[in-house]
N, C-alpha and C. Protein backbone atom coordinates (compact mmCIF):
# COMPACT_ATOMS: atom_id res chain seq x y z
N UNK A 1 98.02 -92.88 -132.20
CA UNK A 1 99.04 -93.51 -132.99
C UNK A 1 100.39 -92.88 -132.67
N UNK A 2 101.40 -93.74 -132.43
CA UNK A 2 102.73 -93.24 -132.08
C UNK A 2 103.54 -92.96 -133.34
N UNK A 3 104.41 -91.95 -133.28
CA UNK A 3 105.26 -91.68 -134.44
C UNK A 3 106.28 -92.79 -134.65
N UNK A 4 106.76 -92.93 -135.88
CA UNK A 4 107.70 -93.99 -136.24
C UNK A 4 108.97 -93.98 -135.41
N UNK A 5 109.44 -92.79 -135.02
CA UNK A 5 110.65 -92.70 -134.23
C UNK A 5 110.51 -93.44 -132.90
N UNK A 6 109.32 -93.44 -132.35
CA UNK A 6 109.08 -94.11 -131.08
C UNK A 6 108.81 -95.60 -131.27
N UNK A 7 108.02 -95.96 -132.25
CA UNK A 7 107.64 -97.36 -132.43
C UNK A 7 108.74 -98.20 -133.05
N UNK A 8 109.63 -97.59 -133.81
CA UNK A 8 110.68 -98.35 -134.51
C UNK A 8 112.02 -98.29 -133.80
N UNK A 9 112.08 -97.70 -132.63
CA UNK A 9 113.36 -97.60 -131.96
C UNK A 9 113.84 -98.98 -131.53
N UNK A 10 115.15 -99.18 -131.54
CA UNK A 10 115.67 -100.49 -131.16
C UNK A 10 115.52 -100.74 -129.66
N UNK A 11 115.46 -101.98 -129.32
CA UNK A 11 115.32 -102.39 -127.91
C UNK A 11 116.64 -103.01 -127.45
N UNK A 12 117.03 -102.71 -126.22
CA UNK A 12 118.23 -103.34 -125.68
C UNK A 12 118.02 -104.84 -125.52
N UNK A 13 116.84 -105.20 -125.08
CA UNK A 13 116.48 -106.62 -124.94
C UNK A 13 115.33 -106.89 -125.91
N UNK A 14 115.70 -107.44 -127.05
CA UNK A 14 114.70 -107.67 -128.09
C UNK A 14 113.95 -108.96 -127.81
N UNK A 15 112.65 -108.90 -127.95
CA UNK A 15 111.79 -110.08 -127.84
C UNK A 15 110.94 -110.16 -129.09
N UNK A 16 110.76 -111.35 -129.64
CA UNK A 16 109.93 -111.44 -130.85
C UNK A 16 108.49 -111.03 -130.55
N UNK A 17 107.86 -110.36 -131.51
CA UNK A 17 106.46 -110.00 -131.31
C UNK A 17 105.58 -111.24 -131.37
N UNK A 18 104.35 -111.06 -130.99
CA UNK A 18 103.39 -112.16 -131.05
C UNK A 18 103.21 -112.58 -132.51
N UNK A 19 103.21 -113.87 -132.74
CA UNK A 19 103.04 -114.39 -134.10
C UNK A 19 101.59 -114.23 -134.52
N UNK A 20 101.43 -113.66 -135.71
CA UNK A 20 100.09 -113.49 -136.25
C UNK A 20 99.97 -114.34 -137.51
N UNK A 21 98.81 -114.95 -137.72
CA UNK A 21 98.65 -115.78 -138.92
C UNK A 21 98.66 -114.92 -140.19
N UNK A 22 99.09 -115.52 -141.28
CA UNK A 22 99.10 -114.79 -142.55
C UNK A 22 97.69 -114.62 -143.10
N UNK A 23 96.82 -115.55 -142.75
CA UNK A 23 95.40 -115.44 -143.12
C UNK A 23 94.62 -115.32 -141.82
N UNK A 24 93.91 -114.22 -141.68
CA UNK A 24 93.17 -113.96 -140.45
C UNK A 24 92.12 -115.04 -140.19
N UNK A 25 91.80 -115.23 -138.92
CA UNK A 25 90.85 -116.27 -138.52
C UNK A 25 89.47 -116.06 -139.16
N UNK A 26 89.04 -114.81 -139.27
CA UNK A 26 87.72 -114.57 -139.86
C UNK A 26 87.72 -114.88 -141.36
N UNK A 27 88.83 -114.63 -142.04
CA UNK A 27 88.93 -114.98 -143.45
C UNK A 27 88.97 -116.49 -143.61
N UNK A 28 89.71 -117.14 -142.72
CA UNK A 28 89.79 -118.60 -142.76
C UNK A 28 88.40 -119.22 -142.54
N UNK A 29 87.66 -118.67 -141.60
CA UNK A 29 86.32 -119.20 -141.32
C UNK A 29 85.38 -118.98 -142.51
N UNK A 30 85.60 -117.89 -143.25
CA UNK A 30 84.75 -117.60 -144.39
C UNK A 30 85.08 -118.46 -145.61
N UNK A 31 86.23 -119.14 -145.58
CA UNK A 31 86.65 -119.97 -146.72
C UNK A 31 87.01 -121.37 -146.23
N UNK A 32 86.02 -122.16 -145.82
CA UNK A 32 86.31 -123.48 -145.26
C UNK A 32 86.96 -124.44 -146.27
N UNK A 33 86.79 -124.18 -147.57
CA UNK A 33 87.41 -125.05 -148.58
C UNK A 33 88.94 -124.97 -148.54
N UNK A 34 89.46 -123.91 -147.98
CA UNK A 34 90.92 -123.74 -147.89
C UNK A 34 91.49 -124.36 -146.61
N UNK A 35 90.65 -124.90 -145.78
CA UNK A 35 91.08 -125.42 -144.48
C UNK A 35 92.21 -126.43 -144.57
N UNK A 36 92.11 -127.39 -145.48
CA UNK A 36 93.15 -128.42 -145.62
C UNK A 36 94.47 -127.79 -146.06
N UNK A 37 94.42 -126.91 -147.06
CA UNK A 37 95.64 -126.25 -147.53
C UNK A 37 96.26 -125.39 -146.43
N UNK A 38 95.43 -124.68 -145.68
CA UNK A 38 95.94 -123.85 -144.59
C UNK A 38 96.59 -124.69 -143.51
N UNK A 39 96.02 -125.87 -143.23
CA UNK A 39 96.63 -126.76 -142.24
C UNK A 39 97.99 -127.26 -142.73
N UNK A 40 98.08 -127.60 -144.01
CA UNK A 40 99.36 -128.04 -144.58
C UNK A 40 100.39 -126.92 -144.47
N UNK A 41 99.99 -125.71 -144.85
CA UNK A 41 100.91 -124.57 -144.78
C UNK A 41 101.35 -124.29 -143.35
N UNK A 42 100.44 -124.47 -142.42
CA UNK A 42 100.78 -124.25 -141.02
C UNK A 42 101.85 -125.23 -140.54
N UNK A 43 101.79 -126.45 -141.02
CA UNK A 43 102.77 -127.47 -140.62
C UNK A 43 104.08 -127.35 -141.38
N UNK A 44 104.00 -127.10 -142.69
CA UNK A 44 105.18 -127.22 -143.56
C UNK A 44 105.92 -125.89 -143.73
N UNK A 45 105.21 -124.81 -143.91
CA UNK A 45 105.84 -123.55 -144.28
C UNK A 45 105.96 -122.54 -143.14
N UNK A 46 104.93 -122.40 -142.35
CA UNK A 46 104.92 -121.33 -141.35
C UNK A 46 106.02 -121.41 -140.30
N UNK A 47 106.44 -122.57 -139.82
CA UNK A 47 107.55 -122.57 -138.85
C UNK A 47 108.81 -121.89 -139.40
N UNK A 48 109.17 -122.20 -140.64
CA UNK A 48 110.34 -121.56 -141.25
C UNK A 48 110.09 -120.07 -141.48
N UNK A 49 108.90 -119.73 -141.92
CA UNK A 49 108.57 -118.32 -142.15
C UNK A 49 108.75 -117.52 -140.86
N UNK A 50 108.18 -118.00 -139.76
CA UNK A 50 108.29 -117.28 -138.50
C UNK A 50 109.73 -117.19 -138.03
N UNK A 51 110.51 -118.25 -138.22
CA UNK A 51 111.92 -118.23 -137.82
C UNK A 51 112.68 -117.15 -138.59
N UNK A 52 112.50 -117.09 -139.90
CA UNK A 52 113.21 -116.09 -140.70
C UNK A 52 112.69 -114.68 -140.43
N UNK A 53 111.40 -114.54 -140.24
CA UNK A 53 110.82 -113.23 -139.94
C UNK A 53 111.37 -112.69 -138.63
N UNK A 54 111.39 -113.52 -137.60
CA UNK A 54 111.90 -113.09 -136.30
C UNK A 54 113.41 -112.84 -136.35
N UNK A 55 114.13 -113.67 -137.08
CA UNK A 55 115.57 -113.47 -137.22
C UNK A 55 115.86 -112.15 -137.93
N UNK A 56 115.09 -111.83 -138.94
CA UNK A 56 115.27 -110.55 -139.65
C UNK A 56 114.98 -109.38 -138.73
N UNK A 57 113.94 -109.48 -137.94
CA UNK A 57 113.60 -108.40 -137.01
C UNK A 57 114.68 -108.24 -135.95
N UNK A 58 115.24 -109.35 -135.47
CA UNK A 58 116.32 -109.31 -134.49
C UNK A 58 117.55 -108.63 -135.09
N UNK A 59 117.91 -109.01 -136.32
CA UNK A 59 119.08 -108.41 -136.98
C UNK A 59 118.85 -106.92 -137.23
N UNK A 60 117.64 -106.55 -137.61
CA UNK A 60 117.33 -105.14 -137.83
C UNK A 60 117.47 -104.36 -136.52
N UNK A 61 117.00 -104.93 -135.43
CA UNK A 61 117.12 -104.29 -134.14
C UNK A 61 118.59 -104.10 -133.77
N UNK A 62 119.41 -105.14 -133.99
CA UNK A 62 120.84 -105.07 -133.70
C UNK A 62 121.50 -103.97 -134.52
N UNK A 63 121.18 -103.92 -135.80
CA UNK A 63 121.76 -102.90 -136.68
C UNK A 63 121.38 -101.50 -136.20
N UNK A 64 120.11 -101.28 -135.92
CA UNK A 64 119.66 -99.96 -135.49
C UNK A 64 120.27 -99.56 -134.15
N UNK A 65 120.37 -100.51 -133.24
CA UNK A 65 120.97 -100.22 -131.94
C UNK A 65 122.43 -99.82 -132.12
N UNK A 66 123.15 -100.53 -132.96
CA UNK A 66 124.55 -100.19 -133.22
C UNK A 66 124.68 -98.80 -133.83
N UNK A 67 123.81 -98.46 -134.75
CA UNK A 67 123.87 -97.14 -135.38
C UNK A 67 123.59 -96.03 -134.37
N UNK A 68 122.65 -96.26 -133.48
CA UNK A 68 122.34 -95.25 -132.46
C UNK A 68 123.52 -95.08 -131.51
N UNK A 69 124.16 -96.19 -131.11
CA UNK A 69 125.32 -96.09 -130.23
C UNK A 69 126.45 -95.33 -130.90
N UNK A 70 126.66 -95.55 -132.18
CA UNK A 70 127.70 -94.82 -132.92
C UNK A 70 127.36 -93.33 -132.98
N UNK A 71 126.12 -93.00 -133.24
CA UNK A 71 125.71 -91.60 -133.32
C UNK A 71 125.88 -90.91 -131.97
N UNK A 72 125.41 -91.54 -130.92
CA UNK A 72 125.51 -90.95 -129.59
C UNK A 72 126.98 -90.81 -129.17
N UNK A 73 127.78 -91.85 -129.44
CA UNK A 73 129.21 -91.78 -129.11
C UNK A 73 129.91 -90.69 -129.88
N UNK A 74 129.62 -90.57 -131.17
CA UNK A 74 130.22 -89.52 -131.98
C UNK A 74 129.82 -88.13 -131.52
N UNK A 75 128.55 -87.97 -131.17
CA UNK A 75 128.07 -86.68 -130.68
C UNK A 75 128.72 -86.32 -129.35
N UNK A 76 128.90 -87.31 -128.48
CA UNK A 76 129.53 -87.07 -127.19
C UNK A 76 130.98 -86.66 -127.36
N UNK A 77 131.73 -87.39 -128.20
CA UNK A 77 133.14 -87.04 -128.44
C UNK A 77 133.25 -85.65 -129.06
N UNK A 78 132.35 -85.34 -129.98
CA UNK A 78 132.36 -84.02 -130.61
C UNK A 78 132.06 -82.93 -129.60
N UNK A 79 131.08 -83.16 -128.72
CA UNK A 79 130.72 -82.17 -127.71
C UNK A 79 131.88 -81.93 -126.74
N UNK A 80 132.56 -82.98 -126.36
CA UNK A 80 133.72 -82.81 -125.47
C UNK A 80 134.82 -82.01 -126.16
N UNK A 81 135.03 -82.28 -127.43
CA UNK A 81 136.02 -81.51 -128.18
C UNK A 81 135.62 -80.05 -128.31
N UNK A 82 134.34 -79.79 -128.51
CA UNK A 82 133.86 -78.40 -128.62
C UNK A 82 134.02 -77.66 -127.30
N UNK A 83 133.72 -78.33 -126.20
CA UNK A 83 133.89 -77.71 -124.88
C UNK A 83 135.37 -77.43 -124.64
N UNK A 84 136.23 -78.37 -124.98
CA UNK A 84 137.67 -78.19 -124.83
C UNK A 84 138.13 -76.97 -125.63
N UNK A 85 137.65 -76.86 -126.87
CA UNK A 85 138.03 -75.72 -127.71
C UNK A 85 137.48 -74.41 -127.17
N UNK A 86 136.25 -74.43 -126.66
CA UNK A 86 135.63 -73.22 -126.11
C UNK A 86 136.36 -72.73 -124.87
N UNK A 87 136.92 -73.65 -124.14
CA UNK A 87 137.66 -73.27 -122.93
C UNK A 87 139.10 -72.87 -123.24
N UNK A 88 139.46 -72.92 -124.49
CA UNK A 88 140.80 -72.51 -124.89
C UNK A 88 141.83 -73.62 -124.76
N UNK A 89 141.39 -74.85 -124.55
CA UNK A 89 142.31 -75.99 -124.45
C UNK A 89 142.95 -76.06 -123.08
N UNK A 90 143.73 -77.09 -122.89
CA UNK A 90 144.48 -77.25 -121.65
C UNK A 90 143.72 -77.91 -120.52
N UNK A 91 142.48 -78.32 -120.74
CA UNK A 91 141.72 -79.02 -119.70
C UNK A 91 141.95 -80.52 -119.91
N UNK A 92 142.88 -81.05 -119.14
CA UNK A 92 143.35 -82.42 -119.37
C UNK A 92 142.24 -83.46 -119.27
N UNK A 93 141.39 -83.33 -118.27
CA UNK A 93 140.37 -84.36 -118.09
C UNK A 93 139.38 -84.40 -119.25
N UNK A 94 139.10 -83.24 -119.87
CA UNK A 94 138.22 -83.23 -121.05
C UNK A 94 138.89 -83.92 -122.23
N UNK A 95 140.18 -83.67 -122.41
CA UNK A 95 140.93 -84.31 -123.48
C UNK A 95 141.00 -85.81 -123.29
N UNK A 96 141.23 -86.23 -122.05
CA UNK A 96 141.31 -87.67 -121.75
C UNK A 96 139.95 -88.33 -121.97
N UNK A 97 138.89 -87.69 -121.49
CA UNK A 97 137.54 -88.25 -121.66
C UNK A 97 137.19 -88.35 -123.15
N UNK A 98 137.51 -87.30 -123.91
CA UNK A 98 137.25 -87.34 -125.35
C UNK A 98 138.03 -88.43 -126.05
N UNK A 99 139.28 -88.60 -125.65
CA UNK A 99 140.11 -89.65 -126.26
C UNK A 99 139.58 -91.04 -125.92
N UNK A 100 139.15 -91.24 -124.69
CA UNK A 100 138.61 -92.54 -124.28
C UNK A 100 137.32 -92.84 -125.05
N UNK A 101 136.45 -91.85 -125.17
CA UNK A 101 135.20 -92.06 -125.90
C UNK A 101 135.48 -92.32 -127.37
N UNK A 102 136.42 -91.56 -127.96
CA UNK A 102 136.76 -91.77 -129.37
C UNK A 102 137.36 -93.16 -129.59
N UNK A 103 138.20 -93.61 -128.66
CA UNK A 103 138.78 -94.95 -128.76
C UNK A 103 137.72 -96.03 -128.64
N UNK A 104 136.83 -95.86 -127.67
CA UNK A 104 135.75 -96.82 -127.49
C UNK A 104 134.83 -96.82 -128.71
N UNK A 105 134.61 -95.65 -129.27
CA UNK A 105 133.77 -95.54 -130.47
C UNK A 105 134.41 -96.26 -131.65
N UNK A 106 135.72 -96.16 -131.77
CA UNK A 106 136.43 -96.87 -132.85
C UNK A 106 136.23 -98.38 -132.69
N UNK A 107 136.40 -98.88 -131.48
CA UNK A 107 136.16 -100.30 -131.22
C UNK A 107 134.70 -100.68 -131.46
N UNK A 108 133.81 -99.79 -131.06
CA UNK A 108 132.37 -100.05 -131.27
C UNK A 108 132.00 -100.13 -132.73
N UNK A 109 132.57 -99.24 -133.55
CA UNK A 109 132.30 -99.26 -134.98
C UNK A 109 132.80 -100.57 -135.59
N UNK A 110 134.01 -100.98 -135.19
CA UNK A 110 134.56 -102.24 -135.71
C UNK A 110 133.68 -103.42 -135.29
N UNK A 111 133.20 -103.41 -134.07
CA UNK A 111 132.33 -104.49 -133.59
C UNK A 111 131.01 -104.52 -134.36
N UNK A 112 130.39 -103.35 -134.51
CA UNK A 112 129.10 -103.27 -135.20
C UNK A 112 129.24 -103.75 -136.65
N UNK A 113 130.31 -103.32 -137.31
CA UNK A 113 130.52 -103.75 -138.70
C UNK A 113 130.76 -105.25 -138.77
N UNK A 114 131.43 -105.80 -137.78
CA UNK A 114 131.71 -107.23 -137.76
C UNK A 114 130.48 -108.10 -137.50
N UNK A 115 129.44 -107.51 -136.98
CA UNK A 115 128.21 -108.25 -136.70
C UNK A 115 127.44 -108.60 -137.97
N UNK A 116 127.64 -107.87 -139.03
CA UNK A 116 126.95 -108.10 -140.31
C UNK A 116 125.44 -108.12 -140.14
N UNK A 117 124.94 -107.31 -139.22
CA UNK A 117 123.51 -107.31 -138.91
C UNK A 117 122.68 -106.88 -140.11
N UNK A 118 123.16 -105.90 -140.86
CA UNK A 118 122.37 -105.44 -142.01
C UNK A 118 122.29 -106.52 -143.08
N UNK A 119 123.39 -107.20 -143.35
CA UNK A 119 123.38 -108.29 -144.34
C UNK A 119 122.47 -109.43 -143.87
N UNK A 120 122.57 -109.77 -142.58
CA UNK A 120 121.71 -110.82 -142.04
C UNK A 120 120.24 -110.43 -142.13
N UNK A 121 119.95 -109.15 -141.87
CA UNK A 121 118.57 -108.67 -141.99
C UNK A 121 118.06 -108.86 -143.41
N UNK A 122 118.84 -108.40 -144.40
CA UNK A 122 118.40 -108.51 -145.78
C UNK A 122 118.22 -109.96 -146.20
N UNK A 123 119.14 -110.82 -145.80
CA UNK A 123 119.06 -112.24 -146.17
C UNK A 123 117.82 -112.89 -145.57
N UNK A 124 117.62 -112.70 -144.27
CA UNK A 124 116.49 -113.34 -143.60
C UNK A 124 115.16 -112.72 -144.02
N UNK A 125 115.15 -111.42 -144.27
CA UNK A 125 113.91 -110.77 -144.73
C UNK A 125 113.54 -111.30 -146.11
N UNK A 126 114.53 -111.46 -146.98
CA UNK A 126 114.26 -112.01 -148.32
C UNK A 126 113.69 -113.41 -148.22
N UNK A 127 114.27 -114.24 -147.37
CA UNK A 127 113.76 -115.61 -147.22
C UNK A 127 112.34 -115.61 -146.66
N UNK A 128 112.08 -114.77 -145.67
CA UNK A 128 110.73 -114.70 -145.10
C UNK A 128 109.72 -114.26 -146.15
N UNK A 129 110.08 -113.27 -146.94
CA UNK A 129 109.14 -112.78 -147.95
C UNK A 129 108.96 -113.78 -149.09
N UNK A 130 109.99 -114.51 -149.43
CA UNK A 130 109.84 -115.56 -150.45
C UNK A 130 108.92 -116.67 -149.92
N UNK A 131 109.05 -117.01 -148.65
CA UNK A 131 108.16 -118.01 -148.06
C UNK A 131 106.72 -117.49 -148.00
N UNK A 132 106.55 -116.22 -147.68
CA UNK A 132 105.21 -115.63 -147.67
C UNK A 132 104.60 -115.72 -149.07
N UNK A 133 105.38 -115.42 -150.07
CA UNK A 133 104.92 -115.51 -151.45
C UNK A 133 104.53 -116.95 -151.80
N UNK A 134 105.36 -117.89 -151.39
CA UNK A 134 105.08 -119.31 -151.66
C UNK A 134 103.78 -119.74 -150.99
N UNK A 135 103.52 -119.20 -149.82
CA UNK A 135 102.30 -119.48 -149.06
C UNK A 135 101.07 -119.19 -149.93
N UNK A 136 101.04 -118.00 -150.52
CA UNK A 136 99.86 -117.60 -151.29
C UNK A 136 99.82 -118.26 -152.67
N UNK A 137 100.97 -118.58 -153.23
CA UNK A 137 100.99 -119.31 -154.50
C UNK A 137 100.39 -120.70 -154.28
N UNK A 138 100.77 -121.34 -153.16
CA UNK A 138 100.23 -122.66 -152.82
C UNK A 138 98.73 -122.57 -152.60
N UNK A 139 98.29 -121.56 -151.84
CA UNK A 139 96.85 -121.40 -151.59
C UNK A 139 96.07 -121.17 -152.87
N UNK A 140 96.65 -120.43 -153.79
CA UNK A 140 95.98 -120.13 -155.05
C UNK A 140 96.06 -121.26 -156.07
N UNK A 141 96.80 -122.32 -155.70
CA UNK A 141 97.00 -123.47 -156.60
C UNK A 141 97.54 -123.02 -157.95
N UNK A 142 98.47 -122.08 -157.88
CA UNK A 142 99.14 -121.59 -159.08
C UNK A 142 100.38 -122.43 -159.34
N UNK A 143 100.96 -122.29 -160.53
CA UNK A 143 102.17 -123.04 -160.86
C UNK A 143 103.24 -122.72 -159.82
N UNK A 144 103.90 -123.68 -159.31
CA UNK A 144 104.00 -125.09 -159.68
C UNK A 144 103.06 -126.01 -158.90
N UNK A 145 102.03 -125.47 -158.28
CA UNK A 145 101.13 -126.27 -157.45
C UNK A 145 99.79 -126.56 -158.14
N UNK A 146 99.72 -126.36 -159.42
CA UNK A 146 98.47 -126.60 -160.13
C UNK A 146 98.51 -127.96 -160.83
N UNK A 147 97.37 -128.56 -160.95
CA UNK A 147 97.25 -129.80 -161.72
C UNK A 147 97.93 -131.01 -161.13
N UNK A 148 98.22 -131.01 -159.85
CA UNK A 148 98.87 -132.16 -159.21
C UNK A 148 97.96 -132.71 -158.12
N UNK A 149 98.27 -133.93 -157.69
CA UNK A 149 97.53 -134.49 -156.56
C UNK A 149 97.96 -133.75 -155.29
N UNK A 150 97.17 -133.90 -154.25
CA UNK A 150 97.49 -133.24 -152.99
C UNK A 150 98.84 -133.68 -152.45
N UNK A 151 99.16 -134.98 -152.56
CA UNK A 151 100.45 -135.48 -152.07
C UNK A 151 101.62 -134.86 -152.84
N UNK A 152 101.45 -134.74 -154.16
CA UNK A 152 102.51 -134.14 -154.98
C UNK A 152 102.67 -132.65 -154.66
N UNK A 153 101.56 -131.96 -154.42
CA UNK A 153 101.62 -130.54 -154.06
C UNK A 153 102.37 -130.33 -152.76
N UNK A 154 102.07 -131.18 -151.77
CA UNK A 154 102.73 -131.05 -150.46
C UNK A 154 104.21 -131.38 -150.59
N UNK A 155 104.54 -132.40 -151.37
CA UNK A 155 105.95 -132.76 -151.58
C UNK A 155 106.68 -131.61 -152.27
N UNK A 156 106.06 -131.01 -153.26
CA UNK A 156 106.68 -129.88 -153.95
C UNK A 156 106.85 -128.69 -153.00
N UNK A 157 105.85 -128.46 -152.16
CA UNK A 157 105.94 -127.38 -151.17
C UNK A 157 107.11 -127.62 -150.22
N UNK A 158 107.24 -128.84 -149.73
CA UNK A 158 108.36 -129.17 -148.84
C UNK A 158 109.71 -128.90 -149.53
N UNK A 159 109.80 -129.31 -150.79
CA UNK A 159 111.04 -129.10 -151.55
C UNK A 159 111.34 -127.61 -151.69
N UNK A 160 110.35 -126.85 -152.04
CA UNK A 160 110.57 -125.41 -152.26
C UNK A 160 110.87 -124.68 -150.96
N UNK A 161 110.21 -125.06 -149.88
CA UNK A 161 110.51 -124.45 -148.58
C UNK A 161 111.95 -124.78 -148.19
N UNK A 162 112.35 -126.03 -148.38
CA UNK A 162 113.72 -126.42 -148.06
C UNK A 162 114.74 -125.67 -148.89
N UNK A 163 114.44 -125.47 -150.17
CA UNK A 163 115.35 -124.75 -151.06
C UNK A 163 115.48 -123.29 -150.63
N UNK A 164 114.38 -122.65 -150.33
CA UNK A 164 114.41 -121.25 -149.89
C UNK A 164 115.17 -121.13 -148.57
N UNK A 165 114.89 -122.03 -147.64
CA UNK A 165 115.50 -121.95 -146.31
C UNK A 165 117.01 -122.16 -146.34
N UNK A 166 117.49 -122.99 -147.25
CA UNK A 166 118.92 -123.31 -147.26
C UNK A 166 119.72 -122.46 -148.25
N UNK A 167 119.03 -121.68 -149.05
CA UNK A 167 119.71 -120.88 -150.06
C UNK A 167 120.54 -119.79 -149.39
N UNK A 168 121.79 -119.68 -149.82
CA UNK A 168 122.68 -118.65 -149.29
C UNK A 168 122.56 -117.39 -150.14
N UNK A 169 122.67 -116.27 -149.48
CA UNK A 169 122.62 -114.98 -150.18
C UNK A 169 124.00 -114.68 -150.76
N UNK A 170 124.03 -114.20 -151.98
CA UNK A 170 125.31 -113.82 -152.61
C UNK A 170 125.92 -112.66 -151.84
N UNK A 171 127.20 -112.70 -151.66
CA UNK A 171 127.91 -111.66 -150.90
C UNK A 171 128.13 -110.43 -151.73
């Protein structure tokens, strides 16, 4: 098992992971009565769930990558300043390199903050988790999916998925 620092590190080229079903194949096979509901969920809810889940993971990767670049840039500028101070000052190329890195870091911080990756992560993660919750509420035939015909349940599911997907997060 790899430590979290290695497995959770951001990727320069992010690719979505393989999509896994919310209900494992062996569980699905053991509960054939749920087959129709699972098929409906696969058509109506899961495409949006996977889109928001992957979007949240992408935003999280972007946020983490930006934070690492800021940390590395700050450490580099600090190290150059420390070397300059240790040498007693007057080393022009060290001062110029430190100033260039500090300037680039300032631009980098402004860019990273402008990406709103953390806000996008929270918004998309919330939508994905609300859809995941709706998935199991539908499967359990709990309110608001109880006591209705199958057509009414599917229509209500479509409405609720649409509402969750289009809902904007408060700023």
